Amino acid sequence: MPTNFHNRKSKRKIRFASARCFLSKQQRFSASYNTMLPSQN
């Protein structure tokens, strides 16, 4: 992802998108983790 291509305005958008991607990754990981440990919800 070329950061130089985006202006300052879309920088916040990119950060938000990356945060969402990270959140979805965490959710996926926690889901698989919950299957291993059903006691933790």
Protein backbone atom coordinates (compact mmCIF):
# COMPACT_ATOMS: atom_id res chain seq x y z
CA MET A 1 0.00 0.00 0.00
CA PRO A 2 1.71 3.20 -1.17
CA THR A 3 1.38 5.65 1.72
CA ASN A 4 2.84 8.46 -0.38
CA PHE A 5 -0.07 8.16 -2.79
CA HIS A 6 -2.66 8.98 -0.13
CA ASN A 7 -3.09 12.46 1.24
CA ARG A 8 -3.41 13.38 4.89
CA LYS A 9 -7.20 13.17 4.77
CA SER A 10 -7.26 9.51 3.73
CA LYS A 11 -4.51 8.70 6.23
CA ARG A 12 -7.12 8.50 8.97
CA LYS A 13 -9.24 6.29 6.73
CA ILE A 14 -6.30 3.94 6.16
CA ARG A 15 -5.56 3.77 9.86
CA PHE A 16 -9.21 2.97 10.53
CA ALA A 17 -9.21 0.29 7.84
CA SER A 18 -6.04 -1.29 9.19
CA ALA A 19 -7.55 -1.19 12.68
CA ARG A 20 -10.65 -2.96 11.35
CA CYS A 21 -8.50 -5.57 9.63
CA PHE A 22 -6.56 -6.10 12.86
CA LEU A 23 -9.83 -6.36 14.78
CA SER A 24 -11.21 -8.97 12.38
CA LYS A 25 -7.94 -10.90 12.72
CA GLN A 26 -8.23 -10.76 16.50
CA GLN A 27 -11.86 -11.89 16.31
CA ARG A 28 -10.89 -14.85 14.15
CA PHE A 29 -8.07 -15.76 16.52
CA SER A 30 -10.28 -15.41 19.59
CA ALA A 31 -12.93 -17.57 17.90
CA SER A 32 -10.44 -20.38 17.29
CA TYR A 33 -9.12 -19.83 20.80
CA ASN A 34 -12.63 -20.15 22.22
CA THR A 35 -13.07 -23.46 20.42
CA MET A 36 -9.94 -24.69 22.17
CA LEU A 37 -11.04 -23.27 25.52
CA PRO A 38 -14.85 -23.27 25.72
CA SER A 39 -14.69 -22.10 29.33
CA GLN A 40 -13.52 -18.66 28.16
CA ASN A 41 -16.18 -16.65 26.37
